[in-house]
Protein backbone atom coordinates (compact mmCIF):
# COMPACT_ATOMS: atom_id res chain seq x y z
CA UNK A 1 0.00 0.00 0.00
CA UNK A 2 1.25 3.46 -0.88
CA UNK A 3 1.87 5.96 1.93
CA UNK A 4 -0.45 8.94 2.27
CA UNK A 5 1.20 12.37 2.33
CA UNK A 6 0.03 15.56 4.00
CA UNK A 7 1.64 18.90 4.81
CA UNK A 8 1.54 19.90 8.47
CA UNK A 9 2.93 22.61 10.72
CA UNK A 10 5.44 20.86 12.98
CA UNK A 11 5.40 22.69 16.34
CA UNK A 12 7.76 20.58 18.42
CA UNK A 13 9.97 17.51 18.13
CA UNK A 14 12.00 15.61 20.70
CA UNK A 15 13.82 12.30 20.66
CA UNK A 16 13.39 9.58 23.25
CA UNK A 17 15.30 6.42 24.14
CA UNK A 18 14.00 3.96 26.75
CA UNK A 19 15.64 0.68 27.74
CA UNK A 20 13.26 -2.21 28.48
CA UNK A 21 14.13 -3.46 31.99
CA UNK A 22 13.18 -7.06 31.13
CA UNK A 23 14.67 -7.55 27.65
CA UNK A 24 17.33 -4.82 27.52
CA UNK A 25 15.89 -3.76 24.16
CA UNK A 26 16.12 -0.05 23.34
CA UNK A 27 12.90 1.63 22.25
CA UNK A 28 13.69 4.97 20.61
CA UNK A 29 12.01 7.44 18.34
CA UNK A 30 10.99 11.02 17.68
CA UNK A 31 7.87 12.49 19.30
CA UNK A 32 6.24 15.24 17.25
CA UNK A 33 3.45 17.73 17.91
CA UNK A 34 1.84 19.14 14.79
CA UNK A 35 -1.17 21.03 13.48
CA UNK A 36 -3.36 19.57 10.79
CA UNK A 37 -5.21 21.85 8.40
CA UNK A 38 -8.60 20.94 9.89
CA UNK A 39 -7.81 22.41 13.34
CA UNK A 40 -6.33 25.78 12.43
CA UNK A 41 -9.42 27.68 13.55
CA UNK A 42 -9.40 28.84 17.17
CA UNK A 43 -12.37 27.00 18.68
CA UNK A 44 -14.31 26.42 21.85
CA UNK A 45 -14.85 22.69 22.32
CA UNK A 46 -17.31 21.22 24.81
CA UNK A 47 -16.68 17.49 24.69
CA UNK A 48 -17.19 16.59 28.35
CA UNK A 49 -20.23 18.33 29.77
CA UNK A 50 -19.30 21.77 31.08
CA UNK A 51 -15.53 21.48 30.60
CA UNK A 52 -14.51 23.86 27.81
CA UNK A 53 -11.24 23.72 25.88
CA UNK A 54 -10.10 26.80 23.99
CA UNK A 55 -7.56 27.29 21.26
CA UNK A 56 -5.95 25.15 18.61
CA UNK A 57 -5.41 21.51 19.60
CA UNK A 58 -2.20 19.94 18.22
CA UNK A 59 -1.89 16.28 17.27
CA UNK A 60 0.87 14.10 18.73
CA UNK A 61 2.67 11.35 16.86
CA UNK A 62 5.85 9.30 16.96
CA UNK A 63 8.35 8.67 14.17
CA UNK A 64 11.40 6.42 13.86
CA UNK A 65 14.52 7.84 15.55
CA UNK A 66 16.35 8.45 12.23
CA UNK A 67 13.76 11.11 11.32
CA UNK A 68 15.43 13.46 13.83
CA UNK A 69 18.22 13.96 11.27
CA UNK A 70 15.61 15.30 8.81
CA UNK A 71 14.60 18.20 11.08
CA UNK A 72 15.69 21.45 9.42
CA UNK A 73 13.67 24.09 11.26
CA UNK A 74 11.10 23.71 14.04
CA UNK A 75 8.52 25.11 13.99
CA UNK A 76 8.26 24.56 10.26
CA UNK A 77 6.21 23.09 7.43
CA UNK A 78 6.79 19.38 6.77
CA UNK A 79 5.36 16.86 4.37
CA UNK A 80 4.50 13.90 6.58
CA UNK A 81 4.16 10.38 5.17
CA UNK A 82 1.40 8.42 6.88
CA UNK A 83 0.65 4.71 6.83
CA UNK A 84 -2.32 2.60 7.86
CA UNK A 85 -1.31 0.07 10.51
CA UNK A 86 -2.97 -2.31 12.94
CA UNK A 87 -2.46 -1.58 16.64
CA UNK A 88 -3.52 -3.35 19.81
CA UNK A 89 -5.89 -1.32 21.98
CA UNK A 90 -6.55 -2.26 25.60
CA UNK A 91 -9.53 -0.70 27.36
CA UNK A 92 -11.79 -1.78 30.22
CA UNK A 93 -9.98 -5.12 30.63
CA UNK A 94 -10.49 -5.95 26.96
CA UNK A 95 -8.13 -6.02 24.01
CA UNK A 96 -8.94 -5.49 20.35
CA UNK A 97 -7.04 -4.83 17.15
CA UNK A 98 -7.82 -1.50 15.48
CA UNK A 99 -6.71 0.33 12.35
CA UNK A 100 -4.74 3.53 12.87
CA UNK A 101 -3.00 6.02 10.58
CA UNK A 102 0.48 6.81 11.90
CA UNK A 103 3.31 9.09 10.72
CA UNK A 104 6.28 7.14 9.30
CA UNK A 105 8.53 9.77 7.68
CA UNK A 106 8.85 13.52 7.12
CA UNK A 107 10.38 15.95 4.64
CA UNK A 108 11.07 19.66 5.24
CA UNK A 109 8.94 22.00 3.10
CA UNK A 110 9.72 25.46 4.48
CA UNK A 111 10.09 27.81 7.41
CA UNK A 112 7.16 29.44 9.13
CA UNK A 113 7.10 32.58 11.23
CA UNK A 114 5.00 32.79 14.35
CA UNK A 115 4.01 36.31 15.36
CA UNK A 116 2.26 37.80 18.34
CA UNK A 117 -0.08 40.76 17.95
CA UNK A 118 0.49 42.90 21.02
CA UNK A 119 -2.54 44.72 22.39
CA UNK A 120 -2.67 48.39 21.44
CA UNK A 121 -2.36 50.86 24.27
CA UNK A 122 -4.85 53.70 24.64
CA UNK A 123 -2.26 56.48 24.06
C-alpha atoms as a PDB file:
ATOM      1  CA  UNK A   1       0.000   0.000   0.000  1.00  0.00           C
ATOM      2  CA  UNK A   2       1.251   3.457  -0.880  1.00  0.00           C
ATOM      3  CA  UNK A   3       1.868   5.963   1.932  1.00  0.00           C
ATOM      4  CA  UNK A   4      -0.452   8.937   2.270  1.00  0.00           C
ATOM      5  CA  UNK A   5       1.204  12.367   2.331  1.00  0.00           C
ATOM      6  CA  UNK A   6       0.026  15.557   4.004  1.00  0.00           C
ATOM      7  CA  UNK A   7       1.642  18.897   4.812  1.00  0.00           C
ATOM      8  CA  UNK A   8       1.543  19.902   8.475  1.00  0.00           C
ATOM      9  CA  UNK A   9       2.931  22.615  10.723  1.00  0.00           C
ATOM     10  CA  UNK A  10       5.438  20.865  12.983  1.00  0.00           C
ATOM     11  CA  UNK A  11       5.402  22.694  16.338  1.00  0.00           C
ATOM     12  CA  UNK A  12       7.763  20.583  18.419  1.00  0.00           C
ATOM     13  CA  UNK A  13       9.969  17.513  18.127  1.00  0.00           C
ATOM     14  CA  UNK A  14      12.001  15.606  20.702  1.00  0.00           C
ATOM     15  CA  UNK A  15      13.825  12.300  20.659  1.00  0.00           C
ATOM     16  CA  UNK A  16      13.393   9.577  23.248  1.00  0.00           C
ATOM     17  CA  UNK A  17      15.296   6.420  24.143  1.00  0.00           C
ATOM     18  CA  UNK A  18      14.003   3.962  26.748  1.00  0.00           C
ATOM     19  CA  UNK A  19      15.643   0.677  27.741  1.00  0.00           C
ATOM     20  CA  UNK A  20      13.258  -2.209  28.483  1.00  0.00           C
ATOM     21  CA  UNK A  21      14.129  -3.459  31.987  1.00  0.00           C
ATOM     22  CA  UNK A  22      13.185  -7.064  31.131  1.00  0.00           C
ATOM     23  CA  UNK A  23      14.673  -7.546  27.654  1.00  0.00           C
ATOM     24  CA  UNK A  24      17.333  -4.818  27.516  1.00  0.00           C
ATOM     25  CA  UNK A  25      15.890  -3.758  24.162  1.00  0.00           C
ATOM     26  CA  UNK A  26      16.121  -0.051  23.339  1.00  0.00           C
ATOM     27  CA  UNK A  27      12.896   1.634  22.249  1.00  0.00           C
ATOM     28  CA  UNK A  28      13.691   4.968  20.614  1.00  0.00           C
ATOM     29  CA  UNK A  29      12.013   7.436  18.336  1.00  0.00           C
ATOM     30  CA  UNK A  30      10.993  11.021  17.684  1.00  0.00           C
ATOM     31  CA  UNK A  31       7.874  12.489  19.303  1.00  0.00           C
ATOM     32  CA  UNK A  32       6.240  15.240  17.249  1.00  0.00           C
ATOM     33  CA  UNK A  33       3.452  17.732  17.915  1.00  0.00           C
ATOM     34  CA  UNK A  34       1.836  19.144  14.793  1.00  0.00           C
ATOM     35  CA  UNK A  35      -1.166  21.029  13.475  1.00  0.00           C
ATOM     36  CA  UNK A  36      -3.362  19.569  10.794  1.00  0.00           C
ATOM     37  CA  UNK A  37      -5.212  21.850   8.401  1.00  0.00           C
ATOM     38  CA  UNK A  38      -8.603  20.936   9.885  1.00  0.00           C
ATOM     39  CA  UNK A  39      -7.807  22.407  13.344  1.00  0.00           C
ATOM     40  CA  UNK A  40      -6.334  25.780  12.426  1.00  0.00           C
ATOM     41  CA  UNK A  41      -9.415  27.682  13.549  1.00  0.00           C
ATOM     42  CA  UNK A  42      -9.403  28.836  17.170  1.00  0.00           C
ATOM     43  CA  UNK A  43     -12.375  26.998  18.679  1.00  0.00           C
ATOM     44  CA  UNK A  44     -14.306  26.425  21.855  1.00  0.00           C
ATOM     45  CA  UNK A  45     -14.849  22.687  22.320  1.00  0.00           C
ATOM     46  CA  UNK A  46     -17.307  21.223  24.808  1.00  0.00           C
ATOM     47  CA  UNK A  47     -16.679  17.489  24.693  1.00  0.00           C
ATOM     48  CA  UNK A  48     -17.193  16.592  28.348  1.00  0.00           C
ATOM     49  CA  UNK A  49     -20.228  18.326  29.772  1.00  0.00           C
ATOM     50  CA  UNK A  50     -19.304  21.768  31.080  1.00  0.00           C
ATOM     51  CA  UNK A  51     -15.526  21.485  30.602  1.00  0.00           C
ATOM     52  CA  UNK A  52     -14.512  23.858  27.807  1.00  0.00           C
ATOM     53  CA  UNK A  53     -11.243  23.720  25.881  1.00  0.00           C
ATOM     54  CA  UNK A  54     -10.101  26.802  23.994  1.00  0.00           C
ATOM     55  CA  UNK A  55      -7.558  27.285  21.264  1.00  0.00           C
ATOM     56  CA  UNK A  56      -5.953  25.147  18.606  1.00  0.00           C
ATOM     57  CA  UNK A  57      -5.408  21.511  19.604  1.00  0.00           C
ATOM     58  CA  UNK A  58      -2.195  19.944  18.217  1.00  0.00           C
ATOM     59  CA  UNK A  59      -1.885  16.279  17.271  1.00  0.00           C
ATOM     60  CA  UNK A  60       0.865  14.097  18.733  1.00  0.00           C
ATOM     61  CA  UNK A  61       2.674  11.345  16.859  1.00  0.00           C
ATOM     62  CA  UNK A  62       5.848   9.299  16.962  1.00  0.00           C
ATOM     63  CA  UNK A  63       8.345   8.668  14.174  1.00  0.00           C
ATOM     64  CA  UNK A  64      11.404   6.418  13.856  1.00  0.00           C
ATOM     65  CA  UNK A  65      14.517   7.844  15.547  1.00  0.00           C
ATOM     66  CA  UNK A  66      16.355   8.448  12.230  1.00  0.00           C
ATOM     67  CA  UNK A  67      13.756  11.109  11.316  1.00  0.00           C
ATOM     68  CA  UNK A  68      15.433  13.459  13.829  1.00  0.00           C
ATOM     69  CA  UNK A  69      18.217  13.958  11.268  1.00  0.00           C
ATOM     70  CA  UNK A  70      15.605  15.297   8.809  1.00  0.00           C
ATOM     71  CA  UNK A  71      14.601  18.198  11.077  1.00  0.00           C
ATOM     72  CA  UNK A  72      15.694  21.445   9.424  1.00  0.00           C
ATOM     73  CA  UNK A  73      13.674  24.094  11.261  1.00  0.00           C
ATOM     74  CA  UNK A  74      11.098  23.715  14.039  1.00  0.00           C
ATOM     75  CA  UNK A  75       8.515  25.111  13.990  1.00  0.00           C
ATOM     76  CA  UNK A  76       8.261  24.560  10.264  1.00  0.00           C
ATOM     77  CA  UNK A  77       6.210  23.086   7.428  1.00  0.00           C
ATOM     78  CA  UNK A  78       6.795  19.381   6.772  1.00  0.00           C
ATOM     79  CA  UNK A  79       5.359  16.855   4.372  1.00  0.00           C
ATOM     80  CA  UNK A  80       4.504  13.897   6.580  1.00  0.00           C
ATOM     81  CA  UNK A  81       4.163  10.382   5.174  1.00  0.00           C
ATOM     82  CA  UNK A  82       1.395   8.423   6.878  1.00  0.00           C
ATOM     83  CA  UNK A  83       0.652   4.711   6.828  1.00  0.00           C
ATOM     84  CA  UNK A  84      -2.322   2.597   7.858  1.00  0.00           C
ATOM     85  CA  UNK A  85      -1.312   0.074  10.514  1.00  0.00           C
ATOM     86  CA  UNK A  86      -2.972  -2.309  12.944  1.00  0.00           C
ATOM     87  CA  UNK A  87      -2.462  -1.582  16.637  1.00  0.00           C
ATOM     88  CA  UNK A  88      -3.522  -3.353  19.815  1.00  0.00           C
ATOM     89  CA  UNK A  89      -5.890  -1.316  21.980  1.00  0.00           C
ATOM     90  CA  UNK A  90      -6.553  -2.256  25.600  1.00  0.00           C
ATOM     91  CA  UNK A  91      -9.530  -0.698  27.362  1.00  0.00           C
ATOM     92  CA  UNK A  92     -11.788  -1.777  30.219  1.00  0.00           C
ATOM     93  CA  UNK A  93      -9.980  -5.118  30.635  1.00  0.00           C
ATOM     94  CA  UNK A  94     -10.494  -5.949  26.956  1.00  0.00           C
ATOM     95  CA  UNK A  95      -8.125  -6.017  24.009  1.00  0.00           C
ATOM     96  CA  UNK A  96      -8.937  -5.491  20.352  1.00  0.00           C
ATOM     97  CA  UNK A  97      -7.043  -4.832  17.150  1.00  0.00           C
ATOM     98  CA  UNK A  98      -7.817  -1.499  15.478  1.00  0.00           C
ATOM     99  CA  UNK A  99      -6.709   0.331  12.351  1.00  0.00           C
ATOM    100  CA  UNK A 100      -4.740   3.534  12.873  1.00  0.00           C
ATOM    101  CA  UNK A 101      -3.001   6.018  10.585  1.00  0.00           C
ATOM    102  CA  UNK A 102       0.481   6.812  11.905  1.00  0.00           C
ATOM    103  CA  UNK A 103       3.314   9.087  10.716  1.00  0.00           C
ATOM    104  CA  UNK A 104       6.281   7.137   9.296  1.00  0.00           C
ATOM    105  CA  UNK A 105       8.525   9.773   7.679  1.00  0.00           C
ATOM    106  CA  UNK A 106       8.853  13.517   7.119  1.00  0.00           C
ATOM    107  CA  UNK A 107      10.379  15.950   4.644  1.00  0.00           C
ATOM    108  CA  UNK A 108      11.070  19.664   5.243  1.00  0.00           C
ATOM    109  CA  UNK A 109       8.940  21.998   3.099  1.00  0.00           C
ATOM    110  CA  UNK A 110       9.719  25.457   4.479  1.00  0.00           C
ATOM    111  CA  UNK A 111      10.087  27.811   7.409  1.00  0.00           C
ATOM    112  CA  UNK A 112       7.164  29.440   9.133  1.00  0.00           C
ATOM    113  CA  UNK A 113       7.099  32.584  11.230  1.00  0.00           C
ATOM    114  CA  UNK A 114       4.996  32.788  14.354  1.00  0.00           C
ATOM    115  CA  UNK A 115       4.005  36.305  15.356  1.00  0.00           C
ATOM    116  CA  UNK A 116       2.260  37.804  18.336  1.00  0.00           C
ATOM    117  CA  UNK A 117      -0.078  40.758  17.948  1.00  0.00           C
ATOM    118  CA  UNK A 118       0.489  42.902  21.016  1.00  0.00           C
ATOM    119  CA  UNK A 119      -2.545  44.718  22.392  1.00  0.00           C
ATOM    120  CA  UNK A 120      -2.675  48.387  21.436  1.00  0.00           C
ATOM    121  CA  UNK A 121      -2.357  50.858  24.265  1.00  0.00           C
ATOM    122  CA  UNK A 122      -4.847  53.696  24.636  1.00  0.00           C
ATOM    123  CA  UNK A 123      -2.257  56.482  24.056  1.00  0.00           C
END
